[in-house]
Each structure stands twice: as C-alpha cells, then as structure tokens.
PDB file of N, CA and C in Angstrom:
ATOM      1  N   MET A   1     -13.516 -10.937   6.863  1.00  0.00           N
ATOM      2  CA  MET A   1     -12.311 -10.676   7.467  1.00  0.00           C
ATOM      3  C   MET A   1     -11.805  -9.281   6.486  1.00  0.00           C
ATOM      4  N   SER A   2     -11.035  -8.614   7.679  1.00  0.00           N
ATOM      5  CA  SER A   2     -10.374  -7.552   7.152  1.00  0.00           C
ATOM      6  C   SER A   2      -8.939  -7.743   6.989  1.00  0.00           C
ATOM      7  N   VAL A   3      -8.157  -7.138   6.193  1.00  0.00           N
ATOM      8  CA  VAL A   3      -7.029  -7.177   5.773  1.00  0.00           C
ATOM      9  C   VAL A   3      -5.876  -5.644   5.676  1.00  0.00           C
ATOM     10  N   ILE A   4      -4.929  -5.769   5.818  1.00  0.00           N
ATOM     11  CA  ILE A   4      -3.670  -4.957   5.430  1.00  0.00           C
ATOM     12  C   ILE A   4      -2.607  -5.322   4.840  1.00  0.00           C
ATOM     13  N   TYR A   5      -3.024  -4.709   3.523  1.00  0.00           N
ATOM     14  CA  TYR A   5      -2.111  -5.624   2.342  1.00  0.00           C
ATOM     15  C   TYR A   5      -0.777  -4.763   1.893  1.00  0.00           C
ATOM     16  N   ARG A   6       0.024  -5.261   1.497  1.00  0.00           N
ATOM     17  CA  ARG A   6       1.421  -4.255   0.490  1.00  0.00           C
ATOM     18  C   ARG A   6       1.258  -4.718  -0.628  1.00  0.00           C
ATOM     19  N   ILE A   7       0.900  -3.391  -1.563  1.00  0.00           N
ATOM     20  CA  ILE A   7       1.718  -3.901  -3.069  1.00  0.00           C
ATOM     21  C   ILE A   7       3.021  -3.790  -3.323  1.00  0.00           C
ATOM     22  N   THR A   8       3.338  -4.541  -4.226  1.00  0.00           N
ATOM     23  CA  THR A   8       5.235  -4.073  -4.368  1.00  0.00           C
ATOM     24  C   THR A   8       5.189  -4.233  -6.145  1.00  0.00           C
ATOM     25  N   TYR A   9       5.455  -3.501  -6.944  1.00  0.00           N
ATOM     26  CA  TYR A   9       5.622  -2.826  -7.901  1.00  0.00           C
ATOM     27  C   TYR A   9       6.911  -3.348  -9.047  1.00  0.00           C
ATOM     28  N   PRO A  10       7.400  -3.456  -9.687  1.00  0.00           N
ATOM     29  CA  PRO A  10       8.327  -3.738 -10.322  1.00  0.00           C
ATOM     30  C   PRO A  10       9.521  -2.498  -9.999  1.00  0.00           C
ATOM     31  N   ASN A  11       8.930  -1.595 -10.163  1.00  0.00           N
ATOM     32  CA  ASN A  11      10.437  -0.819  -9.718  1.00  0.00           C
ATOM     33  C   ASN A  11      10.460  -0.777  -7.610  1.00  0.00           C
ATOM     34  N   GLY A  12      10.011  -1.450  -7.225  1.00  0.00           N
ATOM     35  CA  GLY A  12      10.543  -1.950  -5.628  1.00  0.00           C
ATOM     36  C   GLY A  12       9.668  -0.758  -4.998  1.00  0.00           C
ATOM     37  N   LYS A  13       8.912   0.143  -5.774  1.00  0.00           N
ATOM     38  CA  LYS A  13       7.874   0.883  -4.799  1.00  0.00           C
ATOM     39  C   LYS A  13       6.663   0.469  -3.989  1.00  0.00           C
ATOM     40  N   ILE A  14       6.198   0.966  -3.348  1.00  0.00           N
ATOM     41  CA  ILE A  14       5.273  -0.341  -2.299  1.00  0.00           C
ATOM     42  C   ILE A  14       3.688   0.522  -2.569  1.00  0.00           C
ATOM     43  N   TYR A  15       2.613   0.076  -1.916  1.00  0.00           N
ATOM     44  CA  TYR A  15       1.144   0.752  -1.747  1.00  0.00           C
ATOM     45  C   TYR A  15       0.659  -0.234  -0.431  1.00  0.00           C
ATOM     46  N   ILE A  16       0.495   0.300   0.574  1.00  0.00           N
ATOM     47  CA  ILE A  16      -0.425  -0.068   1.825  1.00  0.00           C
ATOM     48  C   ILE A  16      -1.693   0.278   1.614  1.00  0.00           C
ATOM     49  N   GLY A  17      -2.437  -0.993   1.724  1.00  0.00           N
ATOM     50  CA  GLY A  17      -4.349  -0.428   1.775  1.00  0.00           C
ATOM     51  C   GLY A  17      -4.717  -1.313   3.086  1.00  0.00           C
ATOM     52  N   GLN A  18      -5.823  -1.460   2.754  1.00  0.00           N
ATOM     53  CA  GLN A  18      -7.091  -1.776   3.197  1.00  0.00           C
ATOM     54  C   GLN A  18      -8.066  -2.767   2.330  1.00  0.00           C
ATOM     55  N   ASP A  19      -8.397  -3.786   2.746  1.00  0.00           N
ATOM     56  CA  ASP A  19      -9.790  -4.414   2.236  1.00  0.00           C
ATOM     57  C   ASP A  19     -10.320  -4.908   3.646  1.00  0.00           C
ATOM     58  N   ARG A  20     -11.717  -4.774   3.412  1.00  0.00           N
ATOM     59  CA  ARG A  20     -12.848  -4.900   4.356  1.00  0.00           C
ATOM     60  C   ARG A  20     -13.174  -6.280   4.104  1.00  0.00           C
ATOM     61  N   THR A  21     -12.909  -6.872   3.050  1.00  0.00           N
ATOM     62  CA  THR A  21     -13.793  -7.963   2.273  1.00  0.00           C
ATOM     63  C   THR A  21     -12.965  -8.883   2.145  1.00  0.00           C
ATOM     64  N   ASN A  22     -11.707  -8.892   2.319  1.00  0.00           N
ATOM     65  CA  ASN A  22     -10.575  -9.360   1.814  1.00  0.00           C
ATOM     66  C   ASN A  22     -10.542 -10.397   0.437  1.00  0.00           C
ATOM     67  N   SER A  23     -10.902  -9.541  -0.459  1.00  0.00           N
ATOM     68  CA  SER A  23     -11.225  -9.865  -2.017  1.00  0.00           C
ATOM     69  C   SER A  23      -9.914 -10.396  -2.443  1.00  0.00           C
ATOM     70  N   ILE A  24      -9.846 -11.438  -3.270  1.00  0.00           N
ATOM     71  CA  ILE A  24      -8.463 -12.120  -3.799  1.00  0.00           C
ATOM     72  C   ILE A  24      -8.218 -10.863  -5.101  1.00  0.00           C
ATOM     73  N   ASN A  25      -9.491 -10.194  -5.483  1.00  0.00           N
ATOM     74  CA  ASN A  25      -9.093  -9.171  -7.123  1.00  0.00           C
ATOM     75  C   ASN A  25      -8.938  -7.875  -6.668  1.00  0.00           C
ATOM     76  N   TYR A  26      -8.972  -7.648  -5.311  1.00  0.00           N
ATOM     77  CA  TYR A  26      -8.576  -6.187  -5.058  1.00  0.00           C
ATOM     78  C   TYR A  26      -6.984  -6.251  -5.061  1.00  0.00           C
ATOM     79  N   PHE A  27      -6.625  -4.930  -5.858  1.00  0.00           N
ATOM     80  CA  PHE A  27      -5.494  -4.757  -5.852  1.00  0.00           C
ATOM     81  C   PHE A  27      -4.902  -2.990  -5.281  1.00  0.00           C
ATOM     82  N   GLY A  28      -6.007  -2.470  -4.489  1.00  0.00           N
ATOM     83  CA  GLY A  28      -5.785  -1.277  -4.160  1.00  0.00           C
ATOM     84  C   GLY A  28      -6.473  -0.077  -4.948  1.00  0.00           C
ATOM     85  N   SER A  29      -5.851   1.164  -4.396  1.00  0.00           N
ATOM     86  CA  SER A  29      -6.871   2.477  -4.860  1.00  0.00           C
ATOM     87  C   SER A  29      -5.532   3.568  -4.990  1.00  0.00           C
ATOM     88  N   ALA A  30      -4.361   2.678  -5.390  1.00  0.00           N
ATOM     89  CA  ALA A  30      -3.296   3.867  -5.496  1.00  0.00           C
ATOM     90  C   ALA A  30      -3.339   4.428  -6.890  1.00  0.00           C
ATOM     91  N   SER A  31      -3.197   5.769  -7.059  1.00  0.00           N
ATOM     92  CA  SER A  31      -3.155   6.713  -8.043  1.00  0.00           C
ATOM     93  C   SER A  31      -2.853   5.828  -9.799  1.00  0.00           C
ATOM     94  N   SER A  32      -3.490   5.775 -10.559  1.00  0.00           N
ATOM     95  CA  SER A  32      -2.705   5.299 -11.473  1.00  0.00           C
ATOM     96  C   SER A  32      -1.768   6.276 -12.478  1.00  0.00           C
ATOM     97  N   GLU A  33      -1.955   7.591 -12.313  1.00  0.00           N
ATOM     98  CA  GLU A  33      -1.165   8.620 -12.682  1.00  0.00           C
ATOM     99  C   GLU A  33       0.044   8.941 -12.159  1.00  0.00           C
ATOM    100  N   LEU A  34      -0.064   8.731 -10.774  1.00  0.00           N
ATOM    101  CA  LEU A  34       1.313   8.422 -10.281  1.00  0.00           C
ATOM    102  C   LEU A  34       2.077   7.144 -10.891  1.00  0.00           C
ATOM    103  N   ILE A  35       1.521   6.036 -10.552  1.00  0.00           N
ATOM    104  CA  ILE A  35       2.229   5.056 -10.954  1.00  0.00           C
ATOM    105  C   ILE A  35       2.742   4.837 -12.540  1.00  0.00           C
ATOM    106  N   ALA A  36       1.970   5.582 -13.450  1.00  0.00           N
ATOM    107  CA  ALA A  36       2.122   5.644 -14.850  1.00  0.00           C
ATOM    108  C   ALA A  36       3.556   6.338 -15.033  1.00  0.00           C
ATOM    109  N   LYS A  37       4.082   7.123 -14.163  1.00  0.00           N
ATOM    110  CA  LYS A  37       4.576   8.425 -14.189  1.00  0.00           C
ATOM    111  C   LYS A  37       6.578   7.258 -14.480  1.00  0.00           C
ATOM    112  N   ASP A  38       6.061   6.732 -13.565  1.00  0.00           N
ATOM    113  CA  ASP A  38       7.337   5.448 -13.187  1.00  0.00           C
ATOM    114  C   ASP A  38       7.537   4.435 -14.418  1.00  0.00           C
ATOM    115  N   PHE A  39       6.822   4.376 -15.214  1.00  0.00           N
ATOM    116  CA  PHE A  39       7.065   3.132 -16.590  1.00  0.00           C
ATOM    117  C   PHE A  39       6.632   3.613 -17.576  1.00  0.00           C
ATOM    118  N   THR A  40       7.640   3.375 -17.850  1.00  0.00           N
ATOM    119  CA  THR A  40       7.812   3.688 -19.823  1.00  0.00           C
ATOM    120  C   THR A  40       6.825   2.530 -20.289  1.00  0.00           C
ATOM    121  N   GLN A  41       6.225   3.062 -21.449  1.00  0.00           N
ATOM    122  CA  GLN A  41       5.199   2.084 -22.838  1.00  0.00           C
ATOM    123  C   GLN A  41       6.094   0.826 -22.582  1.00  0.00           C
ATOM    124  N   GLU A  42       7.172   0.590 -22.714  1.00  0.00           N
ATOM    125  CA  GLU A  42       7.603  -0.983 -22.821  1.00  0.00           C
ATOM    126  C   GLU A  42       7.301  -1.461 -21.681  1.00  0.00           C
ATOM    127  N   GLN A  43       7.836  -0.703 -20.383  1.00  0.00           N
ATOM    128  CA  GLN A  43       7.915  -1.674 -19.504  1.00  0.00           C
ATOM    129  C   GLN A  43       6.047  -1.904 -18.752  1.00  0.00           C
ATOM    130  N   ARG A  44       5.200  -0.999 -19.408  1.00  0.00           N
ATOM    131  CA  ARG A  44       3.734  -1.211 -18.883  1.00  0.00           C
ATOM    132  C   ARG A  44       3.396  -2.292 -19.811  1.00  0.00           C
ATOM    133  N   ARG A  45       3.906  -2.889 -20.703  1.00  0.00           N
ATOM    134  CA  ARG A  45       3.506  -4.031 -21.744  1.00  0.00           C
ATOM    135  C   ARG A  45       2.977  -5.483 -20.798  1.00  0.00           C
ATOM    136  N   SER A  46       4.374  -5.466 -19.942  1.00  0.00           N
ATOM    137  CA  SER A  46       4.227  -6.827 -18.950  1.00  0.00           C
ATOM    138  C   SER A  46       5.157  -6.382 -17.740  1.00  0.00           C
ATOM    139  N   PHE A  47       4.285  -6.736 -16.807  1.00  0.00           N
ATOM    140  CA  PHE A  47       4.989  -6.769 -15.564  1.00  0.00           C
ATOM    141  C   PHE A  47       4.389  -7.236 -14.324  1.00  0.00           C
ATOM    142  N   THR A  48       5.013  -7.679 -13.271  1.00  0.00           N
ATOM    143  CA  THR A  48       4.265  -8.564 -11.839  1.00  0.00           C
ATOM    144  C   THR A  48       4.491  -7.628 -10.977  1.00  0.00           C
ATOM    145  N   ILE A  49       3.082  -7.713 -10.283  1.00  0.00           N
ATOM    146  CA  ILE A  49       3.162  -6.950  -8.788  1.00  0.00           C
ATOM    147  C   ILE A  49       2.823  -8.056  -7.811  1.00  0.00           C
ATOM    148  N   THR A  50       3.176  -7.994  -6.543  1.00  0.00           N
ATOM    149  CA  THR A  50       2.961  -8.505  -5.432  1.00  0.00           C
ATOM    150  C   THR A  50       2.358  -8.022  -4.453  1.00  0.00           C
ATOM    151  N   ARG A  51       1.493  -8.843  -3.715  1.00  0.00           N
ATOM    152  CA  ARG A  51       0.520  -8.558  -3.090  1.00  0.00           C
ATOM    153  C   ARG A  51       0.422  -9.431  -1.885  1.00  0.00           C
ATOM    154  N   ASP A  52       0.947  -8.984  -0.348  1.00  0.00           N
ATOM    155  CA  ASP A  52       1.249  -9.196   0.464  1.00  0.00           C
ATOM    156  C   ASP A  52       0.517  -8.661   1.787  1.00  0.00           C
ATOM    157  N   ILE A  53      -0.363  -9.798   2.604  1.00  0.00           N
ATOM    158  CA  ILE A  53      -1.085  -9.760   3.813  1.00  0.00           C
ATOM    159  C   ILE A  53      -0.370  -9.346   5.047  1.00  0.00           C
ATOM    160  N   LEU A  54      -0.219  -8.218   5.518  1.00  0.00           N
ATOM    161  CA  LEU A  54       0.509  -7.695   6.525  1.00  0.00           C
ATOM    162  C   LEU A  54      -0.163  -7.808   7.822  1.00  0.00           C
ATOM    163  N   TRP A  55      -1.769  -7.979   7.709  1.00  0.00           N
ATOM    164  CA  TRP A  55      -2.330  -7.908   8.920  1.00  0.00           C
ATOM    165  C   TRP A  55      -3.625  -8.745   8.721  1.00  0.00           C
ATOM    166  N   GLU A  56      -4.156  -8.884   9.550  1.00  0.00           N
ATOM    167  CA  GLU A  56      -5.518  -9.159   9.314  1.00  0.00           C
ATOM    168  C   GLU A  56      -6.554  -9.930  10.608  1.00  0.00           C
ATOM    169  N   SER A  57      -7.948  -9.522  10.294  1.00  0.00           N
ATOM    170  CA  SER A  57      -8.702  -9.781  11.245  1.00  0.00           C
ATOM    171  C   SER A  57     -10.063 -10.103  11.225  1.00  0.00           C
ATOM    172  N   GLU A  58     -10.699 -10.682  11.957  1.00  0.00           N
ATOM    173  CA  GLU A  58     -12.224 -11.487  11.989  1.00  0.00           C
ATOM    174  C   GLU A  58     -12.983 -10.335  12.449  1.00  0.00           C
ATOM    175  N   ASN A  59     -12.829  -9.581  13.031  1.00  0.00           N
ATOM    176  CA  ASN A  59     -13.898  -8.792  13.909  1.00  0.00           C
ATOM    177  C   ASN A  59     -13.241  -6.866  14.468  1.00  0.00           C
ATOM    178  N   ALA A  60     -12.395  -6.609  13.656  1.00  0.00           N
ATOM    179  CA  ALA A  60     -11.868  -5.271  14.058  1.00  0.00           C
ATOM    180  C   ALA A  60     -13.283  -4.531  13.565  1.00  0.00           C
ATOM    181  N   SER A  61     -13.168  -3.211  14.062  1.00  0.00           N
ATOM    182  CA  SER A  61     -14.041  -2.631  14.026  1.00  0.00           C
ATOM    183  C   SER A  61     -13.523  -1.579  12.330  1.00  0.00           C
ATOM    184  N   ARG A  62     -14.235  -0.983  11.840  1.00  0.00           N
ATOM    185  CA  ARG A  62     -13.751   0.071  10.787  1.00  0.00           C
ATOM    186  C   ARG A  62     -12.789   0.641  10.653  1.00  0.00           C
ATOM    187  N   ALA A  63     -12.768   1.674  11.934  1.00  0.00           N
ATOM    188  CA  ALA A  63     -11.746   2.533  12.730  1.00  0.00           C
ATOM    189  C   ALA A  63     -10.384   1.711  13.019  1.00  0.00           C
ATOM    190  N   GLU A  64     -10.641   0.595  13.630  1.00  0.00           N
ATOM    191  CA  GLU A  64      -9.706  -0.149  14.177  1.00  0.00           C
ATOM    192  C   GLU A  64      -8.347  -0.675  12.646  1.00  0.00           C
ATOM    193  N   VAL A  65      -8.912  -1.108  11.643  1.00  0.00           N
ATOM    194  CA  VAL A  65      -8.319  -1.517  10.404  1.00  0.00           C
ATOM    195  C   VAL A  65      -7.430  -0.102   9.677  1.00  0.00           C
ATOM    196  N   THR A  66      -8.755   0.993  10.075  1.00  0.00           N
ATOM    197  CA  THR A  66      -8.104   2.497   9.244  1.00  0.00           C
ATOM    198  C   THR A  66      -6.713   2.698  10.348  1.00  0.00           C
ATOM    199  N   GLN A  67      -6.698   2.509  11.455  1.00  0.00           N
ATOM    200  CA  GLN A  67      -5.568   2.673  12.687  1.00  0.00           C
ATOM    201  C   GLN A  67      -4.530   2.123  12.008  1.00  0.00           C
ATOM    202  N   LYS A  68      -4.682   0.344  12.267  1.00  0.00           N
ATOM    203  CA  LYS A  68      -3.657  -0.086  11.315  1.00  0.00           C
ATOM    204  C   LYS A  68      -3.335  -0.348  10.120  1.00  0.00           C
ATOM    205  N   GLU A  69      -4.094   0.536   9.003  1.00  0.00           N
ATOM    206  CA  GLU A  69      -3.434   0.723   7.985  1.00  0.00           C
ATOM    207  C   GLU A  69      -2.610   1.968   8.027  1.00  0.00           C
ATOM    208  N   MET A  70      -2.671   3.031   8.717  1.00  0.00           N
ATOM    209  CA  MET A  70      -2.128   4.010   8.640  1.00  0.00           C
ATOM    210  C   MET A  70      -0.963   3.855  10.011  1.00  0.00           C
ATOM    211  N   GLU A  71      -0.928   2.860  10.812  1.00  0.00           N
ATOM    212  CA  GLU A  71       0.445   2.533  11.062  1.00  0.00           C
ATOM    213  C   GLU A  71       1.392   1.797  10.788  1.00  0.00           C
ATOM    214  N   PHE A  72       0.997   0.865   9.570  1.00  0.00           N
ATOM    215  CA  PHE A  72       1.777   0.464   8.425  1.00  0.00           C
ATOM    216  C   PHE A  72       2.183   1.094   7.315  1.00  0.00           C
ATOM    217  N   ILE A  73       1.441   2.143   6.806  1.00  0.00           N
ATOM    218  CA  ILE A  73       1.706   3.374   6.479  1.00  0.00           C
ATOM    219  C   ILE A  73       3.080   3.942   6.736  1.00  0.00           C
ATOM    220  N   HIS A  74       3.216   4.468   8.012  1.00  0.00           N
ATOM    221  CA  HIS A  74       4.211   5.173   8.676  1.00  0.00           C
ATOM    222  C   HIS A  74       5.257   3.835   8.951  1.00  0.00           C
ATOM    223  N   ARG A  75       4.688   2.733   9.173  1.00  0.00           N
ATOM    224  CA  ARG A  75       6.258   1.827   9.348  1.00  0.00           C
ATOM    225  C   ARG A  75       7.080   1.782   7.990  1.00  0.00           C
ATOM    226  N   TYR A  76       6.386   1.544   7.034  1.00  0.00           N
ATOM    227  CA  TYR A  76       7.024   1.231   5.557  1.00  0.00           C
ATOM    228  C   TYR A  76       7.333   2.313   5.031  1.00  0.00           C
ATOM    229  N   ARG A  77       6.948   3.526   5.785  1.00  0.00           N
ATOM    230  CA  ARG A  77       6.953   4.826   4.903  1.00  0.00           C
ATOM    231  C   ARG A  77       6.449   4.852   3.478  1.00  0.00           C
ATOM    232  N   SER A  78       5.502   4.252   3.338  1.00  0.00           N
ATOM    233  CA  SER A  78       4.833   3.934   1.790  1.00  0.00           C
ATOM    234  C   SER A  78       4.184   5.427   1.405  1.00  0.00           C
ATOM    235  N   ASN A  79       3.946   6.542   2.069  1.00  0.00           N
ATOM    236  CA  ASN A  79       3.648   7.654   2.204  1.00  0.00           C
ATOM    237  C   ASN A  79       4.709   8.805   1.110  1.00  0.00           C
ATOM    238  N   ASP A  80       5.880   8.137   1.341  1.00  0.00           N
ATOM    239  CA  ASP A  80       7.214   9.013   0.923  1.00  0.00           C
ATOM    240  C   ASP A  80       7.416   8.455  -0.324  1.00  0.00           C
ATOM    241  N   PRO A  81       7.325   9.616  -1.306  1.00  0.00           N
ATOM    242  CA  PRO A  81       6.806   9.399  -3.017  1.00  0.00           C
ATOM    243  C   PRO A  81       8.430   8.845  -3.469  1.00  0.00           C
ATOM    244  N   SER A  82       9.357   8.551  -2.714  1.00  0.00           N
ATOM    245  CA  SER A  82      10.418   7.660  -3.116  1.00  0.00           C
ATOM    246  C   SER A  82      10.552   6.181  -3.016  1.00  0.00           C
ATOM    247  N   ILE A  83       9.380   5.915  -1.623  1.00  0.00           N
ATOM    248  CA  ILE A  83       9.225   4.622  -1.259  1.00  0.00           C
ATOM    249  C   ILE A  83       8.153   4.210  -2.382  1.00  0.00           C
ATOM    250  N   GLY A  84       6.917   4.602  -2.094  1.00  0.00           N
ATOM    251  CA  GLY A  84       5.754   4.239  -2.250  1.00  0.00           C
ATOM    252  C   GLY A  84       4.851   5.141  -2.780  1.00  0.00           C
ATOM    253  N   TYR A  85       3.946   4.590  -3.083  1.00  0.00           N
ATOM    254  CA  TYR A  85       2.249   5.694  -3.857  1.00  0.00           C
ATOM    255  C   TYR A  85       1.327   6.118  -2.633  1.00  0.00           C
ATOM    256  N   ASN A  86       1.188   5.806  -1.317  1.00  0.00           N
ATOM    257  CA  ASN A  86       0.338   6.261  -0.598  1.00  0.00           C
ATOM    258  C   ASN A  86       0.598   7.744  -0.341  1.00  0.00           C
ATOM    259  N   GLN A  87      -0.858   8.846  -0.560  1.00  0.00           N
ATOM    260  CA  GLN A  87      -0.186  10.228  -0.380  1.00  0.00           C
ATOM    261  C   GLN A  87      -1.076  10.722   0.580  1.00  0.00           C
ATOM    262  N   SER A  88      -1.458   9.427   1.630  1.00  0.00           N
ATOM    263  CA  SER A  88      -2.012  10.319   2.584  1.00  0.00           C
ATOM    264  C   SER A  88      -1.564   9.298   4.040  1.00  0.00           C
ATOM    265  N   PRO A  89      -1.151   9.560   4.674  1.00  0.00           N
ATOM    266  CA  PRO A  89      -1.077  11.041   5.310  1.00  0.00           C
ATOM    267  C   PRO A  89       0.093  11.139   4.894  1.00  0.00           C
ATOM    268  N   PRO A  90       0.073  12.897   4.776  1.00  0.00           N
ATOM    269  CA  PRO A  90       1.259  13.218   4.390  1.00  0.00           C
ATOM    270  C   PRO A  90       2.671  12.953   5.395  1.00  0.00           C
ATOM    271  N   VAL A  91       4.118  12.737   4.711  1.00  0.00           N
ATOM    272  CA  VAL A  91       5.114  12.790   5.243  1.00  0.00           C
ATOM    273  C   VAL A  91       5.436  13.342   6.394  1.00  0.00           C
ATOM    274  N   ARG A  92       5.324  12.867   7.515  1.00  0.00           N
ATOM    275  CA  ARG A  92       5.896  13.408   8.593  1.00  0.00           C
ATOM    276  C   ARG A  92       7.196  13.919   8.644  1.00  0.00           C
ATOM    277  N   ASP A  93       8.041  12.998   8.639  1.00  0.00           N
ATOM    278  CA  ASP A  93       9.894  12.756   8.955  1.00  0.00           C
ATOM    279  C   ASP A  93      10.135  11.551   8.168  1.00  0.00           C
ATOM    280  N   ASN A  94      11.504  11.494   8.112  1.00  0.00           N
ATOM    281  CA  ASN A  94      12.079  10.154   7.613  1.00  0.00           C
ATOM    282  C   ASN A  94      12.217   8.908   8.705  1.00  0.00           C
ATOM    283  N   LYS A  95      11.709   8.888   9.640  1.00  0.00           N
ATOM    284  CA  LYS A  95      11.614   8.088  10.546  1.00  0.00           C
ATOM    285  C   LYS A  95      10.898   7.219  10.303  1.00  0.00           C
ATOM    286  N   SER A  96      10.920   5.725  10.376  1.00  0.00           N
ATOM    287  CA  SER A  96       9.727   4.444  10.543  1.00  0.00           C
ATOM    288  C   SER A  96       9.693   4.487  11.871  1.00  0.00           C
ATOM    289  N   VAL A  97       8.649   3.809  11.883  1.00  0.00           N
ATOM    290  CA  VAL A  97       7.860   3.196  13.372  1.00  0.00           C
ATOM    291  C   VAL A  97       8.204   2.262  13.273  1.00  0.00           C
ATOM    292  N   SER A  98       8.662   1.664  14.888  1.00  0.00           N
ATOM    293  CA  SER A  98       9.525   0.274  14.894  1.00  0.00           C
ATOM    294  C   SER A  98       8.382  -0.753  15.266  1.00  0.00           C
ATOM    295  N   GLU A  99       9.007  -1.758  14.760  1.00  0.00           N
ATOM    296  CA  GLU A  99       7.835  -3.156  14.447  1.00  0.00           C
ATOM    297  C   GLU A  99       7.552  -3.892  15.763  1.00  0.00           C
TER     298      GLU A  99
END
C-alpha cells in the first residue's frame, strides 16, 4: 500500500512525503540540517513528532503517488520554509490548493 503522510514537528512545521511500502517506522527524508537549525540542543533532547496519513492507495502507480504527494505539498504549503521542510518543488506563491 502506498501512502502520503504529514510529519508535524514540535515547532509546528510540517513535512509531506510518500511511502510506497507503508512502513510504520518510516518518517521521511526531510533534511536533518534544516530541522536541526530550528531546535536548540536542549529541545533536541526530548521531543515528539506526529505522522498522519493523508491519502492511501492499494494500487496507485509510482507516478500517481508522486502526483498526489505534490498536490499535498502545494495544499499544505510545506515547501514554504516558514511552514515546512519540503525543499521541492520550489515555492510558487502563497496560495494553497483548495481541498
């Protein structure tokens, strides 16, 4: 099963990603360097993140899963550095895609 997920960090920033295996232990490939800049050493000692499944499919192709991931990145604006940690696609504007 393929899923699109949203990771929410303690600072409220998000990361949208895809997992084509629906592994319970996969938390994305956001840049550790970007995330580390937002947290002090003390804050890094203990924190909780949340992973929410936004979409799932038993039979979507790789291309369809990637398209859905891009839709959610635009919808939630997770590629805007003030909102999230997705670095691509580049931010186009400040408008979100309607649900």
